[in-house]
Amino acid sequence: MLQNSASLRWIAFSSVVLLGGLQPCAGEAAKAPVPVAVVVHPGVPASDLSLAELRRIFLGQRPVWSSELMITLLMPPRGSPEREVLLRQIYQQRSETQYQRYWINRMFADGAPVAPKTTGSREMSASLVREIPGAIALVPLDRIPPDVKVLRIDGRRPGESGYPLIASGGREK
């Protein structure tokens, strides 16, 4: 009887250790989905864009906000959730290579004046949006900097039900 009791404790302990070992570590836990805000320079004459208009902007098909204001595209850093949102939902492509090919073709075949500028960090994106008239960038909802304008997409603000730009969590930069 004593041997069975010890065996049962060993099995219970082993199960807890095994199941605990299958759980992700705190640093590896999947992050919750995060809305990604579209931020622009405060002087941009827009407050709401459709997802289709946002695509046209980031595809370089709409190069100006108005006759006096050019659009400056700021691409999030590689590996960031915001970049994943742009590649998946705006460019509707699956890889960096496809994105790069798109812009090479736009610049050489279609004569696009400029490609997006890739920023080194979220902080750099925020700083450049504040400083460059006409700039547009994507930042996580919880990282919206002061002194920028947050655009509604399809009439919804980041965090509202039905907002279309959601990062799956993933890595942070």
N, C-alpha and C. Protein backbone atom coordinates (compact mmCIF):
# COMPACT_ATOMS: atom_id res chain seq x y z
N MET A 1 0.82 -1.19 0.00
CA MET A 1 0.00 0.00 0.00
C MET A 1 0.86 1.25 0.00
N LEU A 2 1.93 1.25 0.82
CA LEU A 2 2.84 2.38 0.88
C LEU A 2 3.53 2.59 -0.46
N GLN A 3 3.87 1.51 -1.12
CA GLN A 3 4.52 1.58 -2.42
C GLN A 3 3.56 2.18 -3.46
N ASN A 4 2.29 1.81 -3.43
CA ASN A 4 1.30 2.36 -4.36
C ASN A 4 1.11 3.85 -4.13
N SER A 5 1.11 4.27 -2.88
CA SER A 5 0.97 5.68 -2.54
C SER A 5 2.15 6.48 -3.08
N ALA A 6 3.34 5.96 -2.91
CA ALA A 6 4.53 6.63 -3.44
C ALA A 6 4.50 6.66 -4.96
N SER A 7 4.05 5.59 -5.58
CA SER A 7 3.95 5.53 -7.04
C SER A 7 2.94 6.56 -7.55
N LEU A 8 1.81 6.67 -6.87
CA LEU A 8 0.79 7.64 -7.28
C LEU A 8 1.31 9.07 -7.15
N ARG A 9 2.05 9.34 -6.05
CA ARG A 9 2.64 10.68 -5.91
C ARG A 9 3.64 10.96 -7.02
N TRP A 10 4.45 9.96 -7.37
CA TRP A 10 5.44 10.12 -8.44
C TRP A 10 4.75 10.39 -9.78
N ILE A 11 3.68 9.67 -10.06
CA ILE A 11 2.94 9.87 -11.32
C ILE A 11 2.33 11.27 -11.34
N ALA A 12 1.73 11.68 -10.22
CA ALA A 12 1.13 13.01 -10.15
C ALA A 12 2.20 14.09 -10.34
N PHE A 13 3.34 13.94 -9.64
CA PHE A 13 4.44 14.91 -9.76
C PHE A 13 4.97 14.96 -11.19
N SER A 14 5.17 13.79 -11.79
CA SER A 14 5.68 13.72 -13.16
C SER A 14 4.73 14.38 -14.14
N SER A 15 3.43 14.18 -13.94
CA SER A 15 2.43 14.79 -14.82
C SER A 15 2.46 16.31 -14.74
N VAL A 16 2.57 16.82 -13.52
CA VAL A 16 2.63 18.28 -13.34
C VAL A 16 3.87 18.84 -14.00
N VAL A 17 5.01 18.18 -13.80
CA VAL A 17 6.26 18.65 -14.39
C VAL A 17 6.16 18.60 -15.91
N LEU A 18 5.65 17.48 -16.44
CA LEU A 18 5.53 17.33 -17.89
C LEU A 18 4.58 18.36 -18.49
N LEU A 19 3.42 18.50 -17.89
CA LEU A 19 2.46 19.48 -18.41
C LEU A 19 2.97 20.89 -18.25
N GLY A 20 3.62 21.18 -17.16
CA GLY A 20 4.21 22.50 -16.96
C GLY A 20 5.29 22.77 -17.99
N GLY A 21 6.03 21.74 -18.35
CA GLY A 21 7.08 21.90 -19.35
C GLY A 21 6.54 22.18 -20.74
N LEU A 22 5.29 21.81 -20.97
CA LEU A 22 4.69 22.07 -22.28
C LEU A 22 4.14 23.47 -22.39
N GLN A 23 3.96 24.15 -21.29
CA GLN A 23 3.44 25.51 -21.30
C GLN A 23 4.54 26.46 -21.74
N PRO A 24 4.22 27.52 -22.51
CA PRO A 24 5.25 28.47 -22.90
C PRO A 24 5.80 29.22 -21.70
N CYS A 25 7.06 29.53 -21.76
CA CYS A 25 7.67 30.34 -20.71
C CYS A 25 7.08 31.73 -20.76
N ALA A 26 7.21 32.49 -19.69
CA ALA A 26 6.62 33.83 -19.63
C ALA A 26 7.10 34.70 -20.78
N GLY A 27 8.35 34.61 -21.15
CA GLY A 27 8.88 35.44 -22.24
C GLY A 27 8.43 34.97 -23.61
N GLU A 28 7.97 33.70 -23.70
CA GLU A 28 7.55 33.15 -24.98
C GLU A 28 6.04 33.16 -25.15
N ALA A 29 5.31 33.57 -24.15
CA ALA A 29 3.85 33.54 -24.23
C ALA A 29 3.37 34.39 -25.39
N ALA A 30 2.36 33.87 -26.08
CA ALA A 30 1.82 34.60 -27.21
C ALA A 30 1.20 35.91 -26.73
N LYS A 31 1.48 36.96 -27.42
CA LYS A 31 0.93 38.26 -27.06
C LYS A 31 -0.47 38.39 -27.65
N ALA A 32 -1.31 39.12 -26.96
CA ALA A 32 -2.67 39.34 -27.43
C ALA A 32 -2.64 40.22 -28.68
N PRO A 33 -3.62 40.04 -29.56
CA PRO A 33 -3.68 40.91 -30.74
C PRO A 33 -3.77 42.38 -30.34
N VAL A 34 -3.11 43.22 -31.11
CA VAL A 34 -3.03 44.65 -30.79
C VAL A 34 -3.48 45.46 -32.01
N PRO A 35 -4.44 46.37 -31.84
CA PRO A 35 -4.80 47.26 -32.95
C PRO A 35 -3.60 48.13 -33.33
N VAL A 36 -3.45 48.35 -34.62
CA VAL A 36 -2.36 49.18 -35.13
C VAL A 36 -2.97 50.48 -35.66
N ALA A 37 -2.54 51.59 -35.10
CA ALA A 37 -3.07 52.90 -35.46
C ALA A 37 -2.35 53.47 -36.67
N VAL A 38 -3.10 54.17 -37.51
CA VAL A 38 -2.52 54.92 -38.63
C VAL A 38 -2.37 56.35 -38.13
N VAL A 39 -1.13 56.81 -38.07
CA VAL A 39 -0.86 58.16 -37.58
C VAL A 39 -0.27 59.00 -38.70
N VAL A 40 -0.63 60.28 -38.68
CA VAL A 40 -0.16 61.21 -39.69
C VAL A 40 0.27 62.52 -39.03
N HIS A 41 0.99 63.31 -39.80
CA HIS A 41 1.38 64.65 -39.35
C HIS A 41 0.09 65.43 -39.06
N PRO A 42 0.09 66.28 -38.03
CA PRO A 42 -1.12 67.02 -37.67
C PRO A 42 -1.67 67.89 -38.81
N GLY A 43 -0.85 68.29 -39.77
CA GLY A 43 -1.31 69.13 -40.86
C GLY A 43 -1.96 68.38 -42.01
N VAL A 44 -2.05 67.06 -41.93
CA VAL A 44 -2.67 66.27 -43.00
C VAL A 44 -4.17 66.54 -43.02
N PRO A 45 -4.73 66.89 -44.19
CA PRO A 45 -6.15 67.22 -44.27
C PRO A 45 -7.05 65.99 -44.42
N ALA A 46 -6.92 65.04 -43.52
CA ALA A 46 -7.76 63.84 -43.53
C ALA A 46 -7.93 63.40 -42.09
N SER A 47 -9.09 62.80 -41.81
CA SER A 47 -9.31 62.24 -40.47
C SER A 47 -9.87 60.83 -40.55
N ASP A 48 -10.31 60.43 -41.73
CA ASP A 48 -10.91 59.10 -41.92
C ASP A 48 -10.54 58.62 -43.32
N LEU A 49 -10.06 57.38 -43.43
CA LEU A 49 -9.76 56.77 -44.72
C LEU A 49 -10.44 55.41 -44.77
N SER A 50 -10.83 55.01 -45.96
CA SER A 50 -11.28 53.64 -46.12
C SER A 50 -10.04 52.76 -46.20
N LEU A 51 -10.20 51.47 -45.96
CA LEU A 51 -9.07 50.56 -46.08
C LEU A 51 -8.55 50.57 -47.52
N ALA A 52 -9.46 50.70 -48.48
CA ALA A 52 -9.04 50.77 -49.89
C ALA A 52 -8.19 52.02 -50.16
N GLU A 53 -8.58 53.17 -49.57
CA GLU A 53 -7.77 54.39 -49.73
C GLU A 53 -6.40 54.24 -49.08
N LEU A 54 -6.37 53.61 -47.90
CA LEU A 54 -5.10 53.38 -47.22
C LEU A 54 -4.19 52.50 -48.09
N ARG A 55 -4.76 51.48 -48.70
CA ARG A 55 -3.99 50.63 -49.63
C ARG A 55 -3.44 51.46 -50.78
N ARG A 56 -4.27 52.29 -51.39
CA ARG A 56 -3.81 53.12 -52.51
C ARG A 56 -2.65 54.01 -52.07
N ILE A 57 -2.72 54.55 -50.87
CA ILE A 57 -1.63 55.40 -50.36
C ILE A 57 -0.35 54.60 -50.23
N PHE A 58 -0.41 53.46 -49.52
CA PHE A 58 0.81 52.68 -49.29
C PHE A 58 1.30 51.94 -50.53
N LEU A 59 0.45 51.78 -51.53
CA LEU A 59 0.89 51.20 -52.80
C LEU A 59 1.49 52.26 -53.73
N GLY A 60 1.46 53.52 -53.28
CA GLY A 60 2.03 54.59 -54.09
C GLY A 60 1.11 55.06 -55.21
N GLN A 61 -0.13 54.63 -55.19
CA GLN A 61 -1.09 55.02 -56.22
C GLN A 61 -1.72 56.37 -55.93
N ARG A 62 -1.62 56.81 -54.71
CA ARG A 62 -2.08 58.15 -54.31
C ARG A 62 -0.89 58.85 -53.65
N PRO A 63 -0.17 59.70 -54.37
CA PRO A 63 1.06 60.29 -53.85
C PRO A 63 0.88 61.60 -53.08
N VAL A 64 -0.33 62.17 -53.08
CA VAL A 64 -0.53 63.47 -52.43
C VAL A 64 -1.77 63.47 -51.55
N TRP A 65 -1.70 64.29 -50.47
CA TRP A 65 -2.87 64.54 -49.64
C TRP A 65 -3.72 65.63 -50.27
N SER A 66 -3.03 66.61 -50.83
CA SER A 66 -3.69 67.74 -51.50
C SER A 66 -2.70 68.28 -52.53
N SER A 67 -3.11 69.29 -53.27
CA SER A 67 -2.22 69.84 -54.30
C SER A 67 -0.95 70.45 -53.70
N GLU A 68 -1.00 70.77 -52.43
CA GLU A 68 0.17 71.38 -51.77
C GLU A 68 0.94 70.41 -50.87
N LEU A 69 0.44 69.20 -50.67
CA LEU A 69 1.04 68.33 -49.66
C LEU A 69 1.26 66.92 -50.19
N MET A 70 2.54 66.55 -50.36
CA MET A 70 2.93 65.21 -50.79
C MET A 70 2.79 64.23 -49.60
N ILE A 71 2.56 62.97 -49.91
CA ILE A 71 2.52 61.93 -48.89
C ILE A 71 3.92 61.34 -48.75
N THR A 72 4.37 61.23 -47.50
CA THR A 72 5.64 60.55 -47.21
C THR A 72 5.31 59.27 -46.47
N LEU A 73 5.59 58.13 -47.11
CA LEU A 73 5.30 56.83 -46.53
C LEU A 73 6.43 56.38 -45.61
N LEU A 74 6.10 56.07 -44.39
CA LEU A 74 7.08 55.56 -43.43
C LEU A 74 6.75 54.10 -43.14
N MET A 75 7.64 53.22 -43.54
CA MET A 75 7.44 51.78 -43.36
C MET A 75 8.01 51.37 -42.01
N PRO A 76 7.25 50.60 -41.22
CA PRO A 76 7.74 50.16 -39.91
C PRO A 76 8.99 49.29 -40.05
N PRO A 77 9.76 49.17 -38.97
CA PRO A 77 10.96 48.33 -39.02
C PRO A 77 10.64 46.86 -39.27
N ARG A 78 11.58 46.15 -39.89
CA ARG A 78 11.41 44.71 -40.13
C ARG A 78 11.21 43.98 -38.82
N GLY A 79 10.34 42.97 -38.87
CA GLY A 79 10.08 42.14 -37.70
C GLY A 79 9.06 42.71 -36.74
N SER A 80 8.58 43.94 -36.98
CA SER A 80 7.61 44.53 -36.07
C SER A 80 6.20 44.09 -36.45
N PRO A 81 5.29 44.02 -35.46
CA PRO A 81 3.90 43.67 -35.75
C PRO A 81 3.26 44.64 -36.75
N GLU A 82 3.65 45.92 -36.70
CA GLU A 82 3.06 46.89 -37.61
C GLU A 82 3.44 46.58 -39.06
N ARG A 83 4.68 46.15 -39.27
CA ARG A 83 5.12 45.80 -40.62
C ARG A 83 4.37 44.56 -41.11
N GLU A 84 4.17 43.62 -40.22
CA GLU A 84 3.42 42.42 -40.58
C GLU A 84 2.00 42.81 -41.02
N VAL A 85 1.38 43.76 -40.33
CA VAL A 85 0.04 44.24 -40.72
C VAL A 85 0.08 44.87 -42.10
N LEU A 86 1.08 45.71 -42.35
CA LEU A 86 1.19 46.33 -43.68
C LEU A 86 1.40 45.30 -44.77
N LEU A 87 2.31 44.35 -44.55
CA LEU A 87 2.57 43.34 -45.58
C LEU A 87 1.35 42.47 -45.83
N ARG A 88 0.67 42.08 -44.76
CA ARG A 88 -0.46 41.15 -44.89
C ARG A 88 -1.73 41.85 -45.36
N GLN A 89 -2.08 42.98 -44.74
CA GLN A 89 -3.38 43.59 -45.01
C GLN A 89 -3.35 44.72 -46.03
N ILE A 90 -2.26 45.43 -46.15
CA ILE A 90 -2.21 46.53 -47.10
C ILE A 90 -1.60 46.06 -48.42
N TYR A 91 -0.41 45.47 -48.35
CA TYR A 91 0.25 45.00 -49.57
C TYR A 91 -0.29 43.65 -50.02
N GLN A 92 -1.01 42.97 -49.16
CA GLN A 92 -1.60 41.67 -49.44
C GLN A 92 -0.55 40.71 -50.01
N GLN A 93 0.61 40.77 -49.41
CA GLN A 93 1.72 39.91 -49.81
C GLN A 93 2.23 39.20 -48.58
N ARG A 94 2.96 38.14 -48.79
CA ARG A 94 3.37 37.32 -47.66
C ARG A 94 4.83 37.48 -47.26
N SER A 95 5.62 38.17 -48.06
CA SER A 95 7.03 38.20 -47.73
C SER A 95 7.67 39.56 -48.00
N GLU A 96 8.81 39.75 -47.36
CA GLU A 96 9.62 40.95 -47.60
C GLU A 96 10.07 41.01 -49.06
N THR A 97 10.41 39.86 -49.60
CA THR A 97 10.88 39.81 -50.99
C THR A 97 9.81 40.30 -51.96
N GLN A 98 8.58 39.88 -51.76
CA GLN A 98 7.49 40.33 -52.62
C GLN A 98 7.27 41.84 -52.48
N TYR A 99 7.36 42.34 -51.25
CA TYR A 99 7.23 43.78 -51.01
C TYR A 99 8.34 44.54 -51.77
N GLN A 100 9.57 44.08 -51.63
CA GLN A 100 10.69 44.74 -52.31
C GLN A 100 10.53 44.68 -53.82
N ARG A 101 10.11 43.54 -54.35
CA ARG A 101 9.87 43.42 -55.79
C ARG A 101 8.81 44.40 -56.27
N TYR A 102 7.75 44.53 -55.47
CA TYR A 102 6.68 45.46 -55.83
C TYR A 102 7.24 46.87 -56.03
N TRP A 103 8.05 47.34 -55.05
CA TRP A 103 8.57 48.70 -55.14
C TRP A 103 9.63 48.86 -56.21
N ILE A 104 10.41 47.84 -56.47
CA ILE A 104 11.38 47.91 -57.58
C ILE A 104 10.63 48.07 -58.90
N ASN A 105 9.59 47.26 -59.07
CA ASN A 105 8.77 47.38 -60.29
C ASN A 105 8.10 48.73 -60.40
N ARG A 106 7.56 49.23 -59.27
CA ARG A 106 6.89 50.56 -59.28
C ARG A 106 7.86 51.65 -59.70
N MET A 107 9.07 51.60 -59.17
CA MET A 107 10.03 52.67 -59.44
C MET A 107 10.59 52.60 -60.85
N PHE A 108 10.89 51.41 -61.34
CA PHE A 108 11.52 51.31 -62.65
C PHE A 108 10.52 51.16 -63.79
N ALA A 109 9.49 50.37 -63.61
CA ALA A 109 8.53 50.16 -64.69
C ALA A 109 7.46 51.24 -64.73
N ASP A 110 6.95 51.62 -63.56
CA ASP A 110 5.84 52.57 -63.50
C ASP A 110 6.28 54.00 -63.25
N GLY A 111 7.54 54.21 -62.91
CA GLY A 111 8.05 55.56 -62.68
C GLY A 111 7.59 56.19 -61.39
N ALA A 112 7.34 55.38 -60.36
CA ALA A 112 6.96 55.95 -59.05
C ALA A 112 8.08 56.85 -58.57
N PRO A 113 7.75 58.04 -58.06
CA PRO A 113 8.78 58.99 -57.67
C PRO A 113 9.65 58.54 -56.50
N VAL A 114 9.06 57.93 -55.48
CA VAL A 114 9.82 57.49 -54.30
C VAL A 114 9.17 56.26 -53.68
N ALA A 115 9.99 55.45 -53.04
CA ALA A 115 9.50 54.29 -52.30
C ALA A 115 9.35 54.69 -50.83
N PRO A 116 8.63 53.87 -50.05
CA PRO A 116 8.51 54.17 -48.62
C PRO A 116 9.88 54.19 -47.95
N LYS A 117 9.97 54.96 -46.89
CA LYS A 117 11.19 55.03 -46.08
C LYS A 117 11.01 54.09 -44.91
N THR A 118 11.91 53.14 -44.75
CA THR A 118 11.84 52.23 -43.61
C THR A 118 12.50 52.89 -42.41
N THR A 119 11.78 52.91 -41.31
CA THR A 119 12.31 53.53 -40.09
C THR A 119 13.03 52.47 -39.25
N GLY A 120 13.89 52.91 -38.36
CA GLY A 120 14.66 52.00 -37.53
C GLY A 120 13.94 51.54 -36.28
N SER A 121 12.89 52.26 -35.89
CA SER A 121 12.17 51.90 -34.66
C SER A 121 10.81 52.59 -34.65
N ARG A 122 9.98 52.17 -33.72
CA ARG A 122 8.67 52.82 -33.54
C ARG A 122 8.85 54.27 -33.14
N GLU A 123 9.83 54.51 -32.29
CA GLU A 123 10.08 55.87 -31.84
C GLU A 123 10.49 56.76 -33.00
N MET A 124 11.30 56.22 -33.92
CA MET A 124 11.70 56.99 -35.09
C MET A 124 10.50 57.29 -35.97
N SER A 125 9.62 56.31 -36.15
CA SER A 125 8.40 56.53 -36.94
C SER A 125 7.60 57.68 -36.36
N ALA A 126 7.40 57.65 -35.04
CA ALA A 126 6.62 58.68 -34.36
C ALA A 126 7.27 60.04 -34.51
N SER A 127 8.57 60.11 -34.32
CA SER A 127 9.29 61.37 -34.43
C SER A 127 9.21 61.94 -35.85
N LEU A 128 9.37 61.08 -36.84
CA LEU A 128 9.32 61.54 -38.23
C LEU A 128 7.92 62.00 -38.63
N VAL A 129 6.89 61.31 -38.13
CA VAL A 129 5.52 61.73 -38.43
C VAL A 129 5.27 63.14 -37.90
N ARG A 130 5.78 63.43 -36.72
CA ARG A 130 5.60 64.77 -36.14
C ARG A 130 6.37 65.83 -36.93
N GLU A 131 7.51 65.46 -37.50
CA GLU A 131 8.40 66.43 -38.14
C GLU A 131 8.17 66.63 -39.64
N ILE A 132 7.68 65.60 -40.34
CA ILE A 132 7.57 65.68 -41.80
C ILE A 132 6.13 65.94 -42.21
N PRO A 133 5.84 67.11 -42.76
CA PRO A 133 4.48 67.36 -43.26
C PRO A 133 4.10 66.30 -44.30
N GLY A 134 2.91 65.72 -44.15
CA GLY A 134 2.45 64.72 -45.09
C GLY A 134 2.82 63.29 -44.73
N ALA A 135 3.58 63.08 -43.64
CA ALA A 135 4.02 61.74 -43.27
C ALA A 135 2.88 60.89 -42.74
N ILE A 136 2.98 59.58 -43.01
CA ILE A 136 2.01 58.60 -42.52
C ILE A 136 2.78 57.37 -42.07
N ALA A 137 2.36 56.78 -40.93
CA ALA A 137 3.02 55.60 -40.39
C ALA A 137 2.01 54.78 -39.60
N LEU A 138 2.42 53.57 -39.25
CA LEU A 138 1.61 52.71 -38.39
C LEU A 138 2.35 52.48 -37.09
N VAL A 139 1.61 52.56 -35.97
CA VAL A 139 2.17 52.29 -34.65
C VAL A 139 1.14 51.50 -33.85
N PRO A 140 1.59 50.71 -32.88
CA PRO A 140 0.63 49.99 -32.03
C PRO A 140 -0.23 50.98 -31.24
N LEU A 141 -1.46 50.58 -30.97
CA LEU A 141 -2.39 51.45 -30.24
C LEU A 141 -1.79 51.96 -28.94
N ASP A 142 -1.06 51.10 -28.24
CA ASP A 142 -0.50 51.52 -26.95
C ASP A 142 0.77 52.34 -27.07
N ARG A 143 1.18 52.69 -28.29
CA ARG A 143 2.40 53.47 -28.50
C ARG A 143 2.16 54.73 -29.33
N ILE A 144 0.93 55.22 -29.34
CA ILE A 144 0.64 56.43 -30.11
C ILE A 144 1.33 57.61 -29.45
N PRO A 145 2.17 58.30 -30.21
CA PRO A 145 2.89 59.43 -29.62
C PRO A 145 2.01 60.68 -29.54
N PRO A 146 2.42 61.63 -28.71
CA PRO A 146 1.69 62.90 -28.66
C PRO A 146 1.94 63.70 -29.93
N ASP A 147 1.09 64.65 -30.20
CA ASP A 147 1.26 65.60 -31.30
C ASP A 147 1.20 64.97 -32.69
N VAL A 148 0.43 63.88 -32.85
CA VAL A 148 0.15 63.32 -34.16
C VAL A 148 -1.35 63.16 -34.29
N LYS A 149 -1.82 63.00 -35.50
CA LYS A 149 -3.24 62.77 -35.74
C LYS A 149 -3.44 61.27 -35.98
N VAL A 150 -4.44 60.69 -35.32
CA VAL A 150 -4.78 59.28 -35.51
C VAL A 150 -5.97 59.23 -36.46
N LEU A 151 -5.80 58.51 -37.57
CA LEU A 151 -6.88 58.41 -38.56
C LEU A 151 -7.83 57.27 -38.23
N ARG A 152 -9.12 57.50 -38.51
CA ARG A 152 -10.09 56.42 -38.46
C ARG A 152 -9.96 55.66 -39.78
N ILE A 153 -10.15 54.34 -39.71
CA ILE A 153 -10.13 53.51 -40.91
C ILE A 153 -11.52 52.89 -41.04
N ASP A 154 -12.16 53.12 -42.17
CA ASP A 154 -13.53 52.67 -42.40
C ASP A 154 -14.46 53.15 -41.28
N GLY A 155 -14.21 54.39 -40.79
CA GLY A 155 -15.06 54.99 -39.78
C GLY A 155 -14.80 54.53 -38.35
N ARG A 156 -13.80 53.68 -38.16
CA ARG A 156 -13.53 53.14 -36.82
C ARG A 156 -12.16 53.57 -36.32
N ARG A 157 -12.11 53.85 -35.03
CA ARG A 157 -10.84 54.20 -34.38
C ARG A 157 -10.16 52.91 -33.93
N PRO A 158 -8.84 52.94 -33.79
CA PRO A 158 -8.14 51.75 -33.28
C PRO A 158 -8.71 51.34 -31.93
N GLY A 159 -8.97 50.07 -31.78
CA GLY A 159 -9.53 49.55 -30.53
C GLY A 159 -11.03 49.36 -30.58
N GLU A 160 -11.72 50.02 -31.53
CA GLU A 160 -13.17 49.83 -31.66
C GLU A 160 -13.46 48.52 -32.36
N SER A 161 -14.61 47.96 -32.07
CA SER A 161 -15.04 46.72 -32.70
C SER A 161 -15.08 46.90 -34.22
N GLY A 162 -14.52 45.96 -34.94
CA GLY A 162 -14.53 46.01 -36.40
C GLY A 162 -13.37 46.77 -37.01
N TYR A 163 -12.47 47.31 -36.18
CA TYR A 163 -11.30 48.02 -36.71
C TYR A 163 -10.45 47.01 -37.49
N PRO A 164 -10.06 47.34 -38.74
CA PRO A 164 -9.45 46.33 -39.60
C PRO A 164 -7.96 46.04 -39.42
N LEU A 165 -7.22 46.92 -38.77
CA LEU A 165 -5.77 46.73 -38.70
C LEU A 165 -5.37 46.18 -37.33
N ILE A 166 -5.18 44.87 -37.27
CA ILE A 166 -4.87 44.20 -36.02
C ILE A 166 -3.60 43.37 -36.20
N ALA A 167 -2.64 43.61 -35.33
CA ALA A 167 -1.40 42.80 -35.33
C ALA A 167 -1.67 41.55 -34.51
N SER A 168 -1.09 40.45 -34.94
CA SER A 168 -1.33 39.19 -34.26
C SER A 168 -0.57 39.06 -32.95
N GLY A 169 0.19 40.06 -32.57
CA GLY A 169 1.00 39.99 -31.35
C GLY A 169 2.45 39.89 -31.73
N GLY A 170 2.97 38.67 -31.77
CA GLY A 170 4.32 38.44 -32.29
C GLY A 170 5.40 39.16 -31.55
N ARG A 171 6.51 39.40 -32.27
CA ARG A 171 7.70 40.01 -31.66
C ARG A 171 7.52 41.50 -31.50
N GLU A 172 8.25 42.06 -30.58
CA GLU A 172 8.30 43.51 -30.38
C GLU A 172 9.67 44.00 -30.71
N LYS A 173 9.74 45.22 -31.20
CA LYS A 173 11.02 45.87 -31.51
C LYS A 173 11.17 47.07 -30.65
